[in-house]
């Protein structure tokens, strides 16, 4: 009984503290409180909506509220136990938030860090200050053009062989293939080899553990009672995180052993990414002295390079199957012989293939929900006049930005790669959108390090997929939804029937 009384007392004290903070630090524009979304409740605010809606429904809600109610207007959201917050949809406002990184503006802040700490620890996704800069510098070296050229010209063909064989067998036997699993296996093996110098398969227990931990971590940003859930029902989550951490430590242990072995070999040279791999973890070990920090960082980079790109390729194939007329955007740019190379995958030579990739990410961004916290102790004034007190939360939804009719027009919900193409004398070129209009790859100091690698991998893999095979979705499920995660995997995967493409170009159902 005493324990229950103590728990209730702590809860009431915390609630009073938060309500007092809100009263003293209200968010205003032109001296008036901001408008709130329809359905906002007294006291509970938007808390029940965040708690009860699944992630996909929440993203759809953000899109609807943007298009039907607020447009570019910054509006307030509230949950009784959390700091005051706003949702921004205006590219001009987002541009400032992206560029004003650090103590004078915005950062991850304790709100984000606390919820993602168990999974991401000291890694780049969670880090700030000098530790973040150090990891970013190592990442910049890894994603340099020379590494990307080796990746495309040597690594991709080598690790695509398994996928090619699986599709070949499916075409002969009629077996159903889950393309999300196939793409995830490919990205996992590529990242495992070139980044960490190890043979890694998506069937490794780490993958299932990370997926579960990612799902639970994502829900923390919707559930104001996540701490209570963690302590009372978090056994499986703790076990999953423990496995993820153990795997990160194993990555570092193997890298250290590999480095020591090379040092003992007279005249030894570091292997190329194709021959030995481990470039990224070696760069991190050179930059960060603490092995446990390197382990956290390795897991962060693996997640970013493995999950997001595989998700994007899955959505890309699905959208092309829904709109077959857009297939030619990729097939018309296939090389006459062999496979694409690094030089042939420039946006100048393959603008339409890149348009398909960018259009896919517009509708299904790899990271569909972003937030930062006001770090300036004096607060920040946004370009639209909104006055943010310190520690307030700033939310934007790339999923809703991609469906903004104010940015993309009345056809914003439609898959139209042609919106990225403009005719010029002698051909076509790819249009450019600012990161504040198209926040798929973030922007400012935290712009995505792996953007070019993701584009190259997505276009290369889709070209290889469509060059040799035709696909038909095996399940007609209506509108495809994402499943709960920090990224945007497809619920149920993408199961397809496969047919060998003939010179004449046969079609399913013909």
Foldseek 3Di string as FASTA:
>chain_A
DVVVVVVVVVVVVLLVVQVVQCVVFAWDFPPHHFAAFPPQDPLQGCQVVLQPDFPQVVLVVVLCCCAPPAPQDKGWTDGSNAHTAIEGQHLQLLVCQQAPDDLAWWDADPVNLVLCCLQQNLALVNHDDPSVVLLVVLLLVCQDPVNLQCCFPPVLVVLCVVVVVVQVVLQVPVDKDQLLQSLLQSLLQLCCQAAQQDGDGCPPPLNVLSFVLQLLSLSCVSHPCSVVCCVPPVPSNNVSSVVLLVVLLVSLVVVVVVVVVQVVDPPRDDDRSNPGHNSSLVSVVVRDVDSSSSSSRSSVVSCVRRQLLSQLLQLLVVQCLVPVVLLCLQQVLADPDDADGPVCLDQVSRVSLLLSSLLSCLQFQFQFKDKIFTNHCDFDQGPSRITGHHGYMYIYTSNSLQQRCVLQNPCSNHRDSCVQWDDDVPGIGGHDDDCSSRVSQHDHPRGHSCPVVSSSVSSRVSSVDPVWKDKDFPDDDDDWAAHRGSTGHTVPGGMIRIHTADPVGDDPPD
